[in-house]
């Protein structure tokens, strides 16, 4: 039975995690190779996602496809712009790139390199229900913080990322589906894949390793959000090891994301009044 999660007992909790399988189940040579290949996969996926997720990359691919097939892709993009759906299509590309490099590539790596089952890397529900109060404890001050920062102009100009989210319910629901899907694969990447792939080699130290790239992907965001991601990632990482599941983290992320988007829309007075863009 794990000790109660409390900041003063952090190292005791991690010690307890390390006394349970699969922590430190590899010998030195196996551990070296596991860390090398796992972090190589992480680095490649983060690099590919960083340069592949932007709409400029999609434009280059469509231009190349147009040259190859003789189709006027520029006119097609212009028509999508005139229709008012180009930005949503660009976010579809953004979400798809997260799916590829935060989930599909990792699934292949788990099956072909680690030779393990993908569902064992956090996809099960595990003991999430036993730790619901910790997730609620984490979420509560964040929601208060969201309310406070939503009073500032920087927040209003930043959220939602999709600027047409308030145009219609169709826009809002489509955007949130893409946004939530991105959070699911993000949790799998950091709190599923990284933790469970590294744990047999370096035990609970996997949490500290995971927190570094997790903080770095927040650097383009607001300073307070990037700073908070360090403790946020640490807390979710420990809980993911305790519950052996990513779903608690997914629920926290979704609750925070929805509250930020709705707060931004409410501040701008853009809550949708129609189902379809008119």
Protein backbone atom coordinates (compact mmCIF):
# COMPACT_ATOMS: atom_id res chain seq x y z
CA UNK A 1 0.00 0.00 0.00
CA UNK A 2 1.50 3.31 -1.11
CA UNK A 3 1.89 6.08 1.43
CA UNK A 4 -0.39 9.08 1.19
CA UNK A 5 0.80 11.47 -1.49
CA UNK A 6 2.25 14.48 0.30
CA UNK A 7 5.15 16.73 -0.78
CA UNK A 8 7.11 15.85 2.37
CA UNK A 9 6.76 12.15 1.57
CA UNK A 10 7.66 12.43 -2.09
CA UNK A 11 10.87 10.42 -1.86
CA UNK A 12 9.25 7.83 0.40
CA UNK A 13 6.53 7.35 -2.20
CA UNK A 14 9.08 7.00 -4.99
CA UNK A 15 11.07 4.53 -2.87
CA UNK A 16 7.89 2.50 -2.42
CA UNK A 17 7.27 2.55 -6.19
CA UNK A 18 10.82 1.32 -6.73
CA UNK A 19 10.24 -1.66 -4.46
CA UNK A 20 7.48 -2.87 -6.79
CA UNK A 21 7.78 -4.36 -10.29
CA UNK A 22 8.74 -3.44 -12.93
CA UNK A 23 11.22 -0.96 -11.37
CA UNK A 24 14.88 -1.92 -11.85
CA UNK A 25 14.07 -5.24 -13.49
CA UNK A 26 16.84 -4.94 -16.12
CA UNK A 27 20.52 -5.67 -15.66
CA UNK A 28 23.07 -2.95 -16.34
CA UNK A 29 23.58 -3.73 -20.04
CA UNK A 30 19.85 -4.05 -20.70
CA UNK A 31 19.15 -0.83 -18.80
CA UNK A 32 21.75 1.08 -20.81
CA UNK A 33 20.18 -0.03 -24.09
CA UNK A 34 16.64 0.59 -22.87
CA UNK A 35 17.46 4.18 -21.87
CA UNK A 36 19.36 4.82 -25.09
CA UNK A 37 16.66 3.58 -27.48
CA UNK A 38 13.78 5.08 -25.49
CA UNK A 39 15.29 8.55 -25.30
CA UNK A 40 16.38 8.34 -28.94
CA UNK A 41 12.77 7.61 -29.87
CA UNK A 42 11.57 10.49 -27.66
CA UNK A 43 14.06 12.92 -29.24
CA UNK A 44 13.17 11.95 -32.81
CA UNK A 45 9.42 12.19 -32.15
CA UNK A 46 9.72 15.61 -30.47
CA UNK A 47 11.93 16.89 -33.28
CA UNK A 48 9.66 15.57 -36.03
CA UNK A 49 6.55 16.91 -34.32
CA UNK A 50 8.08 20.34 -33.74
CA UNK A 51 8.80 20.87 -37.43
CA UNK A 52 5.93 18.84 -38.82
CA UNK A 53 2.95 20.26 -36.92
CA UNK A 54 2.91 23.74 -38.47
CA UNK A 55 0.56 24.75 -41.26
CA UNK A 56 3.58 25.83 -43.33
CA UNK A 57 4.63 22.18 -43.48
CA UNK A 58 1.15 21.23 -44.67
CA UNK A 59 1.34 23.94 -47.35
CA UNK A 60 4.69 22.61 -48.57
CA UNK A 61 3.32 19.06 -48.74
CA UNK A 62 0.23 20.22 -50.64
CA UNK A 63 2.41 22.25 -53.03
CA UNK A 64 4.59 19.21 -53.68
CA UNK A 65 1.47 17.07 -54.16
CA UNK A 66 0.12 19.64 -56.63
CA UNK A 67 3.33 19.57 -58.67
CA UNK A 68 3.29 15.78 -58.67
CA UNK A 69 -0.35 15.43 -59.75
CA UNK A 70 -0.92 18.65 -61.68
CA UNK A 71 -3.71 19.71 -59.31
CA UNK A 72 -4.09 23.37 -58.37
CA UNK A 73 -3.65 22.99 -54.61
CA UNK A 74 -3.15 26.75 -54.20
CA UNK A 75 -6.64 27.38 -55.54
CA UNK A 76 -8.01 24.65 -53.25
CA UNK A 77 -6.41 26.30 -50.22
CA UNK A 78 -7.74 29.70 -51.31
CA UNK A 79 -11.25 28.24 -51.56
CA UNK A 80 -10.94 26.76 -48.07
CA UNK A 81 -9.85 30.19 -46.84
CA UNK A 82 -12.85 31.82 -48.50
CA UNK A 83 -15.10 29.18 -46.91
CA UNK A 84 -13.70 30.05 -43.49
CA UNK A 85 -12.54 26.50 -42.73
CA UNK A 86 -8.84 26.71 -43.61
CA UNK A 87 -7.76 27.40 -40.03
CA UNK A 88 -9.71 24.40 -38.73
CA UNK A 89 -8.11 22.21 -41.42
CA UNK A 90 -4.71 23.44 -40.27
CA UNK A 91 -5.56 22.41 -36.72
CA UNK A 92 -6.66 19.02 -38.06
CA UNK A 93 -3.14 18.68 -39.44
CA UNK A 94 -1.68 19.83 -36.09
CA UNK A 95 -3.74 17.22 -34.22
CA UNK A 96 -2.89 14.50 -36.75
CA UNK A 97 0.84 15.14 -36.31
CA UNK A 98 0.44 14.70 -32.56
CA UNK A 99 -1.35 11.42 -33.18
CA UNK A 100 1.44 10.19 -35.44
CA UNK A 101 4.45 11.16 -33.31
CA UNK A 102 2.92 10.94 -29.83
CA UNK A 103 1.08 7.65 -30.37
CA UNK A 104 1.48 5.68 -33.61
CA UNK A 105 5.28 5.81 -33.79
CA UNK A 106 5.48 4.90 -30.10
CA UNK A 107 3.07 1.99 -30.57
CA UNK A 108 5.35 0.60 -33.28
CA UNK A 109 8.40 1.13 -31.06
CA UNK A 110 6.73 -0.69 -28.15
CA UNK A 111 5.72 -3.64 -30.31
CA UNK A 112 8.82 -3.96 -32.51
CA UNK A 113 11.67 -2.78 -30.26
CA UNK A 114 10.49 -3.32 -26.69
CA UNK A 115 8.31 -6.29 -27.71
CA UNK A 116 5.63 -5.42 -25.16
CA UNK A 117 1.91 -4.71 -25.28
CA UNK A 118 0.88 -1.13 -25.96
CA UNK A 119 -2.03 -1.30 -23.49
CA UNK A 120 0.45 -1.88 -20.66
CA UNK A 121 1.87 1.61 -21.18
CA UNK A 122 -0.85 3.49 -19.33
CA UNK A 123 -3.89 2.75 -21.47
CA UNK A 124 -5.55 0.63 -18.77
CA UNK A 125 -7.72 2.29 -16.11
CA UNK A 126 -5.57 0.73 -13.38
CA UNK A 127 -5.96 2.27 -9.91
CA UNK A 128 -7.04 5.69 -11.16
CA UNK A 129 -10.24 5.60 -9.13
CA UNK A 130 -8.26 5.08 -5.92
CA UNK A 131 -6.45 8.38 -6.41
CA UNK A 132 -9.34 10.57 -7.59
CA UNK A 133 -8.96 12.90 -4.59
CA UNK A 134 -5.35 13.64 -5.54
CA UNK A 135 -6.39 14.55 -9.07
CA UNK A 136 -9.13 16.77 -7.62
CA UNK A 137 -6.61 18.33 -5.25
CA UNK A 138 -4.38 19.11 -8.23
CA UNK A 139 -7.23 20.44 -10.34
CA UNK A 140 -8.88 22.76 -7.81
CA UNK A 141 -6.12 25.41 -7.44
CA UNK A 142 -5.47 25.27 -11.18
CA UNK A 143 -9.10 26.16 -11.93
CA UNK A 144 -8.84 29.06 -9.47
CA UNK A 145 -5.63 30.14 -11.19
CA UNK A 146 -7.37 29.91 -14.60
CA UNK A 147 -10.07 32.26 -13.36
CA UNK A 148 -7.53 34.78 -12.06
CA UNK A 149 -5.36 34.83 -15.19
CA UNK A 150 -8.46 34.96 -17.41
CA UNK A 151 -8.95 38.51 -16.15
CA UNK A 152 -5.86 39.62 -18.06
CA UNK A 153 -5.71 40.66 -21.70
CA UNK A 154 -2.89 38.21 -22.53
CA UNK A 155 -5.17 35.32 -21.62
CA UNK A 156 -8.10 36.63 -23.68
CA UNK A 157 -5.86 37.01 -26.72
CA UNK A 158 -4.35 33.52 -26.28
CA UNK A 159 -7.30 31.16 -25.65
CA UNK A 160 -8.85 29.38 -27.41
CA UNK A 161 -6.05 28.80 -29.91
CA UNK A 162 -8.67 28.35 -32.64
CA UNK A 163 -9.93 31.92 -33.10
CA UNK A 164 -13.20 30.83 -34.72
CA UNK A 165 -14.20 28.59 -31.80
CA UNK A 166 -16.95 31.02 -30.81
CA UNK A 167 -18.40 31.28 -34.31
CA UNK A 168 -20.67 28.25 -33.95
CA UNK A 169 -21.18 25.11 -31.90
CA UNK A 170 -19.81 23.09 -34.83
CA UNK A 171 -16.57 25.09 -34.71
CA UNK A 172 -16.32 24.79 -30.93
CA UNK A 173 -17.04 21.05 -30.78
CA UNK A 174 -14.70 20.28 -33.71
CA UNK A 175 -11.91 22.28 -32.08
CA UNK A 176 -12.39 20.71 -28.65
CA UNK A 177 -12.38 17.20 -30.18
CA UNK A 178 -9.03 17.96 -31.83
CA UNK A 179 -7.71 19.60 -28.65
CA UNK A 180 -8.80 16.75 -26.36
CA UNK A 181 -7.39 14.13 -28.74
CA UNK A 182 -4.06 15.92 -28.57
CA UNK A 183 -4.11 15.77 -24.77
CA UNK A 184 -4.80 12.03 -24.78
CA UNK A 185 -1.76 11.25 -26.91
CA UNK A 186 0.32 13.82 -25.00
CA UNK A 187 -0.42 11.99 -21.74
CA UNK A 188 0.46 8.71 -23.42
CA UNK A 189 3.78 10.12 -24.65
CA UNK A 190 4.93 11.56 -21.30
CA UNK A 191 3.07 9.70 -18.55
CA UNK A 192 2.56 6.46 -20.42
CA UNK A 193 5.43 5.73 -22.79
CA UNK A 194 8.30 7.61 -21.15
CA UNK A 195 7.54 6.46 -17.61
CA UNK A 196 6.78 2.82 -18.38
CA UNK A 197 9.60 2.39 -20.91
CA UNK A 198 12.23 3.88 -18.58
CA UNK A 199 10.97 2.45 -15.28
CA UNK A 200 12.49 -1.05 -15.68
CA UNK A 201 15.87 0.62 -16.27
CA UNK A 202 15.95 3.60 -13.88
CA UNK A 203 12.90 3.12 -11.65
CA UNK A 204 11.01 6.15 -10.42
CA UNK A 205 13.82 8.38 -11.73
CA UNK A 206 11.83 8.19 -14.96
CA UNK A 207 9.63 10.93 -13.49
CA UNK A 208 12.49 13.45 -13.36
CA UNK A 209 13.60 12.55 -16.88
CA UNK A 210 10.05 12.98 -18.19
CA UNK A 211 9.58 16.39 -16.53
CA UNK A 212 12.38 18.05 -18.55
CA UNK A 213 10.98 17.66 -22.09
CA UNK A 214 7.46 18.16 -20.70
CA UNK A 215 8.44 21.59 -19.37
CA UNK A 216 10.22 22.46 -22.62
CA UNK A 217 7.15 21.93 -24.82
CA UNK A 218 5.45 24.60 -22.68
CA UNK A 219 8.11 27.26 -23.34
CA UNK A 220 6.16 28.92 -26.20
CA UNK A 221 3.21 29.42 -23.82
CA UNK A 222 2.62 32.04 -21.13
CA UNK A 223 5.48 32.22 -18.54
CA UNK A 224 3.34 31.18 -15.58
CA UNK A 225 1.96 28.20 -17.49
CA UNK A 226 5.47 27.07 -18.50
CA UNK A 227 6.69 27.42 -14.91
CA UNK A 228 3.71 25.56 -13.50
CA UNK A 229 4.24 22.69 -15.93
CA UNK A 230 7.26 21.55 -13.89
CA UNK A 231 5.26 20.79 -10.74
CA UNK A 232 2.23 19.75 -12.80
CA UNK A 233 4.32 17.21 -14.72
CA UNK A 234 5.95 15.94 -11.52
CA UNK A 235 2.65 15.44 -9.73
CA UNK A 236 0.98 13.75 -12.71
CA UNK A 237 4.05 11.58 -13.23
CA UNK A 238 3.98 10.26 -9.67
CA UNK A 239 0.24 9.64 -9.90
CA UNK A 240 0.67 7.84 -13.22
CA UNK A 241 3.19 5.49 -11.61
CA UNK A 242 0.91 4.95 -8.61
CA UNK A 243 -2.18 4.25 -10.74
CA UNK A 244 -0.35 2.68 -13.72
CA UNK A 245 -2.64 4.71 -15.95
CA UNK A 246 -2.71 7.91 -18.00
CA UNK A 247 -6.47 8.51 -17.64
CA UNK A 248 -6.36 10.59 -14.46
CA UNK A 249 -3.94 12.96 -16.18
CA UNK A 250 -6.12 13.04 -19.27
CA UNK A 251 -9.15 14.07 -17.22
CA UNK A 252 -7.21 16.82 -15.44
CA UNK A 253 -5.83 18.15 -18.72
CA UNK A 254 -9.24 18.11 -20.39
CA UNK A 255 -10.88 19.92 -17.46
CA UNK A 256 -8.18 22.62 -17.48
CA UNK A 257 -8.26 23.02 -21.27
CA UNK A 258 -12.05 23.31 -21.44
CA UNK A 259 -12.13 25.81 -18.58
CA UNK A 260 -9.47 27.97 -20.23
CA UNK A 261 -11.21 27.95 -23.60
CA UNK A 262 -14.64 28.67 -22.15
CA UNK A 263 -13.22 31.42 -19.93
CA UNK A 264 -11.58 33.03 -22.95
CA UNK A 265 -14.79 32.86 -24.99
CA UNK A 266 -16.87 34.21 -22.12
CA UNK A 267 -14.51 37.15 -21.59
CA UNK A 268 -14.80 38.03 -25.29
CA UNK A 269 -18.56 37.46 -25.32
CA UNK A 270 -18.22 34.80 -28.02
CA UNK A 271 -20.24 31.88 -26.64
CA UNK A 272 -21.77 30.28 -29.80
CA UNK A 273 -25.41 31.09 -30.55
CA UNK A 274 -25.79 28.95 -33.68
CA UNK A 275 -24.95 25.40 -34.69
CA UNK A 276 -23.26 26.13 -38.01
CA UNK A 277 -21.11 29.04 -39.17
CA UNK A 278 -23.27 31.46 -41.07
